[in-house]
Amino acid sequence: MDIGKRIRQLRMRNGLTQEELASRCELTKGFVSQLENNLTTPSLPVLMNLVEVLGSDMSTFFSEEQEQKIVFRKEDFFEDDRENCRIVWVVPNAQKNAMEPILLTIRPHQASRSMTPHEGEEFGYVLSGNVTLVNGAQTCKVRRGETFYIRGDQEHVLRNDGAAPAQVLWITTPPSF
C-alpha cells in the first residue's frame, strides 16, 4: 500500500494544504511532504493522529479501494426485450450508483412503463424517432435530437405514437428501472 499517496488523497479530499494538515497534527509541513512522497515512514501514533485528523479510521485507511470500472462495452450491457419496448442497461449494476442510464427502444404505437412519482430527476435524449412525454397533466412531443429534463414527482410515461421504433437515452436518479 502507498501510505503517502493515501494521506495525500485524504488531505486533498478534506481541502487541506500540507501546512494546514501539519499544523493540526503538530508536525512540520516538510514532514508531511516527506510522508506524501514516501521519503519517510510515520510512527504508528503519528499515523493514527493523521488518519483521525483526516476524518478516517485505521481500518478504512488501510482498506484497498478497488479500481472502479469506468468504460463499458456492448458485452457489458444487459438487455431486456419486453412486449412494448426493449431496455438496454448500458452501465452494469447501476442500481448501486446515483444515476441509471438506459437505452430505451419503444416499439411503434407502444409506451414505456408508467413511472410512479419518486424523488429524483430524469433526463432523456431522443436518438431516433419521436416520443410523447406525458408528465402529470403536461404532454410534450420530443423529436429526434431533442432532450427532456423532469423531476420525478409526478407520474410520467413515454409514448411512441409513430410507425417506427423510437430510441431514447434515459437517465434516472435515483435508479428505478
C-alpha atoms as a PDB file:
ATOM      1  CA  MET A   1       0.000   0.000   0.000  1.00  0.00           C
ATOM      2  CA  ASP A   2       1.187   3.515  -0.843  1.00  0.00           C
ATOM      3  CA  ILE A   3       0.694   5.263   2.518  1.00  0.00           C
ATOM      4  CA  GLY A   4       1.943   8.605   1.228  1.00  0.00           C
ATOM      5  CA  LYS A   5      -0.479   8.575  -1.688  1.00  0.00           C
ATOM      6  CA  ARG A   6      -3.351   7.664   0.643  1.00  0.00           C
ATOM      7  CA  ILE A   7      -2.504  10.520   3.032  1.00  0.00           C
ATOM      8  CA  ARG A   8      -2.371  12.942   0.082  1.00  0.00           C
ATOM      9  CA  GLN A   9      -5.750  11.700  -1.225  1.00  0.00           C
ATOM     10  CA  LEU A  10      -7.431  12.166   2.146  1.00  0.00           C
ATOM     11  CA  ARG A  11      -5.784  15.558   2.701  1.00  0.00           C
ATOM     12  CA  MET A  12      -6.960  16.813  -0.679  1.00  0.00           C
ATOM     13  CA  ARG A  13     -10.427  15.322  -0.209  1.00  0.00           C
ATOM     14  CA  ASN A  14     -10.645  17.347   3.005  1.00  0.00           C
ATOM     15  CA  GLY A  15      -9.485  20.501   1.230  1.00  0.00           C
ATOM     16  CA  LEU A  16      -6.390  20.906   3.388  1.00  0.00           C
ATOM     17  CA  THR A  17      -2.963  22.166   2.431  1.00  0.00           C
ATOM     18  CA  GLN A  18       0.110  20.340   3.679  1.00  0.00           C
ATOM     19  CA  GLU A  19       0.676  23.247   6.032  1.00  0.00           C
ATOM     20  CA  GLU A  20      -2.861  23.039   7.470  1.00  0.00           C
ATOM     21  CA  LEU A  21      -2.584  19.283   7.999  1.00  0.00           C
ATOM     22  CA  ALA A  22       0.845  19.686   9.611  1.00  0.00           C
ATOM     23  CA  SER A  23      -0.493  22.359  11.962  1.00  0.00           C
ATOM     24  CA  ARG A  24      -3.467  20.238  13.045  1.00  0.00           C
ATOM     25  CA  CYS A  25      -1.175  17.267  13.749  1.00  0.00           C
ATOM     26  CA  GLU A  26       1.615  19.325  15.339  1.00  0.00           C
ATOM     27  CA  LEU A  27       4.026  18.293  12.574  1.00  0.00           C
ATOM     28  CA  THR A  28       6.085  20.298  10.117  1.00  0.00           C
ATOM     29  CA  LYS A  29       4.998  20.947   6.549  1.00  0.00           C
ATOM     30  CA  GLY A  30       8.261  19.360   5.405  1.00  0.00           C
ATOM     31  CA  PHE A  31       7.494  16.158   7.319  1.00  0.00           C
ATOM     32  CA  VAL A  32       4.014  15.931   5.760  1.00  0.00           C
ATOM     33  CA  SER A  33       5.590  16.472   2.327  1.00  0.00           C
ATOM     34  CA  GLN A  34       8.115  13.694   3.009  1.00  0.00           C
ATOM     35  CA  LEU A  35       5.289  11.378   4.124  1.00  0.00           C
ATOM     36  CA  GLU A  36       3.250  12.057   0.989  1.00  0.00           C
ATOM     37  CA  ASN A  37       6.299  11.431  -1.201  1.00  0.00           C
ATOM     38  CA  ASN A  38       7.196   8.243   0.713  1.00  0.00           C
ATOM     39  CA  LEU A  39      10.549   9.659   1.772  1.00  0.00           C
ATOM     40  CA  THR A  40       9.835   8.805   5.411  1.00  0.00           C
ATOM     41  CA  THR A  41       7.544   6.486   7.323  1.00  0.00           C
ATOM     42  CA  PRO A  42       5.374   7.730  10.190  1.00  0.00           C
ATOM     43  CA  SER A  43       5.369   6.063  13.579  1.00  0.00           C
ATOM     44  CA  LEU A  44       2.120   4.337  14.474  1.00  0.00           C
ATOM     45  CA  PRO A  45       0.984   7.129  16.871  1.00  0.00           C
ATOM     46  CA  VAL A  46       1.709   9.787  14.199  1.00  0.00           C
ATOM     47  CA  LEU A  47      -0.155   7.792  11.544  1.00  0.00           C
ATOM     48  CA  MET A  48      -3.124   7.262  13.862  1.00  0.00           C
ATOM     49  CA  ASN A  49      -3.242  11.006  14.562  1.00  0.00           C
ATOM     50  CA  LEU A  50      -3.038  11.865  10.840  1.00  0.00           C
ATOM     51  CA  VAL A  51      -5.805   9.424   9.970  1.00  0.00           C
ATOM     52  CA  GLU A  52      -8.052  10.793  12.737  1.00  0.00           C
ATOM     53  CA  VAL A  53      -7.439  14.412  11.700  1.00  0.00           C
ATOM     54  CA  LEU A  54      -8.271  13.421   8.120  1.00  0.00           C
ATOM     55  CA  GLY A  55     -11.663  12.104   9.286  1.00  0.00           C
ATOM     56  CA  SER A  56     -10.993   8.416   8.832  1.00  0.00           C
ATOM     57  CA  ASP A  57     -10.063   5.390  10.901  1.00  0.00           C
ATOM     58  CA  MET A  58      -7.246   2.884  10.531  1.00  0.00           C
ATOM     59  CA  SER A  59      -9.485   0.149   9.122  1.00  0.00           C
ATOM     60  CA  THR A  60     -10.844   2.388   6.375  1.00  0.00           C
ATOM     61  CA  PHE A  61      -7.422   3.913   5.720  1.00  0.00           C
ATOM     62  CA  PHE A  62      -5.868   0.510   5.038  1.00  0.00           C
ATOM     63  CA  SER A  63      -8.770  -0.962   3.104  1.00  0.00           C
ATOM     64  CA  GLU A  64      -7.811  -1.285  -0.517  1.00  0.00           C
ATOM     65  CA  GLU A  65     -10.021   0.744  -2.799  1.00  0.00           C
ATOM     66  CA  GLN A  66     -10.978  -1.371  -5.777  1.00  0.00           C
ATOM     67  CA  GLU A  67     -10.330   0.281  -9.089  1.00  0.00           C
ATOM     68  CA  GLN A  68     -13.689   1.353 -10.439  1.00  0.00           C
ATOM     69  CA  LYS A  69     -14.549   0.365 -13.984  1.00  0.00           C
ATOM     70  CA  ILE A  70     -15.350   3.488 -15.993  1.00  0.00           C
ATOM     71  CA  VAL A  71     -15.656   2.254 -19.567  1.00  0.00           C
ATOM     72  CA  PHE A  72     -18.356  -0.213 -20.588  1.00  0.00           C
ATOM     73  CA  ARG A  73     -18.629  -2.084 -23.856  1.00  0.00           C
ATOM     74  CA  LYS A  74     -21.520  -3.811 -25.577  1.00  0.00           C
ATOM     75  CA  GLU A  75     -20.604  -7.134 -23.950  1.00  0.00           C
ATOM     76  CA  ASP A  76     -21.123  -5.471 -20.519  1.00  0.00           C
ATOM     77  CA  PHE A  77     -24.674  -4.351 -21.367  1.00  0.00           C
ATOM     78  CA  PHE A  78     -27.761  -6.163 -20.112  1.00  0.00           C
ATOM     79  CA  GLU A  79     -30.752  -6.324 -22.462  1.00  0.00           C
ATOM     80  CA  ASP A  80     -34.405  -6.983 -21.648  1.00  0.00           C
ATOM     81  CA  ASP A  81     -36.880  -7.413 -24.506  1.00  0.00           C
ATOM     82  CA  ARG A  82     -40.421  -6.688 -23.422  1.00  0.00           C
ATOM     83  CA  GLU A  83     -43.688  -6.660 -25.341  1.00  0.00           C
ATOM     84  CA  ASN A  84     -43.810  -2.880 -25.717  1.00  0.00           C
ATOM     85  CA  CYS A  85     -40.138  -1.946 -25.565  1.00  0.00           C
ATOM     86  CA  ARG A  86     -36.540  -3.027 -25.245  1.00  0.00           C
ATOM     87  CA  ILE A  87     -34.395  -1.816 -22.349  1.00  0.00           C
ATOM     88  CA  VAL A  88     -30.609  -1.927 -22.503  1.00  0.00           C
ATOM     89  CA  TRP A  89     -28.771  -1.177 -19.267  1.00  0.00           C
ATOM     90  CA  VAL A  90     -25.559   0.427 -20.548  1.00  0.00           C
ATOM     91  CA  VAL A  91     -23.883   0.539 -17.121  1.00  0.00           C
ATOM     92  CA  PRO A  92     -23.914  -2.817 -15.287  1.00  0.00           C
ATOM     93  CA  ASN A  93     -25.167  -2.792 -11.702  1.00  0.00           C
ATOM     94  CA  ALA A  94     -26.173   0.871 -11.984  1.00  0.00           C
ATOM     95  CA  GLN A  95     -28.595   0.458  -9.074  1.00  0.00           C
ATOM     96  CA  LYS A  96     -25.596   0.994  -6.755  1.00  0.00           C
ATOM     97  CA  ASN A  97     -24.869   4.356  -8.399  1.00  0.00           C
ATOM     98  CA  ALA A  98     -26.564   7.728  -8.030  1.00  0.00           C
ATOM     99  CA  MET A  99     -27.982   7.582 -11.566  1.00  0.00           C
ATOM    100  CA  GLU A 100     -29.045   4.894 -14.009  1.00  0.00           C
ATOM    101  CA  PRO A 101     -28.641   5.324 -17.762  1.00  0.00           C
ATOM    102  CA  ILE A 102     -30.557   3.077 -20.143  1.00  0.00           C
ATOM    103  CA  LEU A 103     -31.203   2.877 -23.858  1.00  0.00           C
ATOM    104  CA  LEU A 104     -34.941   2.519 -24.288  1.00  0.00           C
ATOM    105  CA  THR A 105     -36.385   1.453 -27.623  1.00  0.00           C
ATOM    106  CA  ILE A 106     -40.159   1.882 -27.705  1.00  0.00           C
ATOM    107  CA  ARG A 107     -41.932  -0.115 -30.384  1.00  0.00           C
ATOM    108  CA  PRO A 108     -44.433   1.677 -32.691  1.00  0.00           C
ATOM    109  CA  HIS A 109     -47.726   2.597 -31.014  1.00  0.00           C
ATOM    110  CA  GLN A 110     -46.415   1.430 -27.614  1.00  0.00           C
ATOM    111  CA  ALA A 111     -45.269   3.131 -24.396  1.00  0.00           C
ATOM    112  CA  SER A 112     -42.717   2.739 -21.654  1.00  0.00           C
ATOM    113  CA  ARG A 113     -43.982   1.568 -18.328  1.00  0.00           C
ATOM    114  CA  SER A 114     -45.608   4.322 -16.329  1.00  0.00           C
ATOM    115  CA  MET A 115     -43.209   5.688 -13.724  1.00  0.00           C
ATOM    116  CA  THR A 116     -44.821   6.408 -10.372  1.00  0.00           C
ATOM    117  CA  PRO A 117     -43.815   9.583  -8.532  1.00  0.00           C
ATOM    118  CA  HIS A 118     -40.429   9.359  -6.857  1.00  0.00           C
ATOM    119  CA  GLU A 119     -37.745  11.618  -5.504  1.00  0.00           C
ATOM    120  CA  GLY A 120     -35.129  12.409  -8.069  1.00  0.00           C
ATOM    121  CA  GLU A 121     -34.850  13.644 -11.612  1.00  0.00           C
ATOM    122  CA  GLU A 122     -34.813  12.255 -15.137  1.00  0.00           C
ATOM    123  CA  PHE A 123     -33.121  13.232 -18.364  1.00  0.00           C
ATOM    124  CA  GLY A 124     -33.815  11.912 -21.830  1.00  0.00           C
ATOM    125  CA  TYR A 125     -32.228  12.369 -25.240  1.00  0.00           C
ATOM    126  CA  VAL A 126     -34.184  11.125 -28.238  1.00  0.00           C
ATOM    127  CA  LEU A 127     -31.727   9.287 -30.504  1.00  0.00           C
ATOM    128  CA  SER A 128     -34.230   8.239 -33.174  1.00  0.00           C
ATOM    129  CA  GLY A 129     -37.925   8.654 -33.877  1.00  0.00           C
ATOM    130  CA  ASN A 130     -40.249  10.833 -31.824  1.00  0.00           C
ATOM    131  CA  VAL A 131     -41.826  10.316 -28.421  1.00  0.00           C
ATOM    132  CA  THR A 132     -44.591  11.918 -26.459  1.00  0.00           C
ATOM    133  CA  LEU A 133     -43.711  12.665 -22.846  1.00  0.00           C
ATOM    134  CA  VAL A 134     -46.710  12.615 -20.544  1.00  0.00           C
ATOM    135  CA  ASN A 135     -45.639  14.185 -17.249  1.00  0.00           C
ATOM    136  CA  GLY A 136     -48.600  14.560 -14.913  1.00  0.00           C
ATOM    137  CA  ALA A 137     -51.108  16.753 -16.774  1.00  0.00           C
ATOM    138  CA  GLN A 138     -48.466  18.038 -19.228  1.00  0.00           C
ATOM    139  CA  THR A 139     -47.923  16.387 -22.624  1.00  0.00           C
ATOM    140  CA  CYS A 140     -44.923  17.255 -24.820  1.00  0.00           C
ATOM    141  CA  LYS A 141     -43.716  15.984 -28.184  1.00  0.00           C
ATOM    142  CA  VAL A 142     -39.946  15.275 -28.132  1.00  0.00           C
ATOM    143  CA  ARG A 143     -38.293  14.763 -31.518  1.00  0.00           C
ATOM    144  CA  ARG A 144     -35.016  13.181 -32.608  1.00  0.00           C
ATOM    145  CA  GLY A 145     -32.089  15.270 -31.311  1.00  0.00           C
ATOM    146  CA  GLU A 146     -34.175  16.918 -28.574  1.00  0.00           C
ATOM    147  CA  THR A 147     -33.957  16.361 -24.825  1.00  0.00           C
ATOM    148  CA  PHE A 148     -36.219  16.441 -21.807  1.00  0.00           C
ATOM    149  CA  TYR A 149     -35.470  17.009 -18.136  1.00  0.00           C
ATOM    150  CA  ILE A 150     -38.092  16.436 -15.452  1.00  0.00           C
ATOM    151  CA  ARG A 151     -38.434  15.992 -11.724  1.00  0.00           C
ATOM    152  CA  GLY A 152     -39.752  12.595 -10.756  1.00  0.00           C
ATOM    153  CA  ASP A 153     -42.502  13.984  -8.511  1.00  0.00           C
ATOM    154  CA  GLN A 154     -45.334  13.228 -10.979  1.00  0.00           C
ATOM    155  CA  GLU A 155     -46.422  10.071 -12.745  1.00  0.00           C
ATOM    156  CA  HIS A 156     -44.860  10.026 -16.209  1.00  0.00           C
ATOM    157  CA  VAL A 157     -44.576   7.860 -19.305  1.00  0.00           C
ATOM    158  CA  LEU A 158     -43.028   7.973 -22.779  1.00  0.00           C
ATOM    159  CA  ARG A 159     -45.236   7.033 -25.729  1.00  0.00           C
ATOM    160  CA  ASN A 160     -44.279   6.263 -29.282  1.00  0.00           C
ATOM    161  CA  ASP A 161     -47.289   7.283 -31.394  1.00  0.00           C
ATOM    162  CA  GLY A 162     -45.356   6.797 -34.647  1.00  0.00           C
ATOM    163  CA  ALA A 163     -44.981   3.915 -37.099  1.00  0.00           C
ATOM    164  CA  ALA A 164     -41.231   3.410 -36.480  1.00  0.00           C
ATOM    165  CA  PRO A 165     -39.350   2.488 -33.294  1.00  0.00           C
ATOM    166  CA  ALA A 166     -38.115   5.368 -31.129  1.00  0.00           C
ATOM    167  CA  GLN A 167     -34.895   5.174 -29.157  1.00  0.00           C
ATOM    168  CA  VAL A 168     -34.158   7.285 -26.083  1.00  0.00           C
ATOM    169  CA  LEU A 169     -31.112   7.555 -23.848  1.00  0.00           C
ATOM    170  CA  TRP A 170     -32.902   7.870 -20.498  1.00  0.00           C
ATOM    171  CA  ILE A 171     -31.087   8.655 -17.267  1.00  0.00           C
ATOM    172  CA  THR A 172     -32.838   8.488 -13.899  1.00  0.00           C
ATOM    173  CA  THR A 173     -31.730   9.411 -10.437  1.00  0.00           C
ATOM    174  CA  PRO A 174     -32.068   7.538  -8.217  1.00  0.00           C
ATOM    175  CA  PRO A 175     -32.041   4.299 -10.249  1.00  0.00           C
ATOM    176  CA  SER A 176     -35.544   2.973 -10.825  1.00  0.00           C
ATOM    177  CA  PHE A 177     -35.615   0.603 -13.802  1.00  0.00           C
END
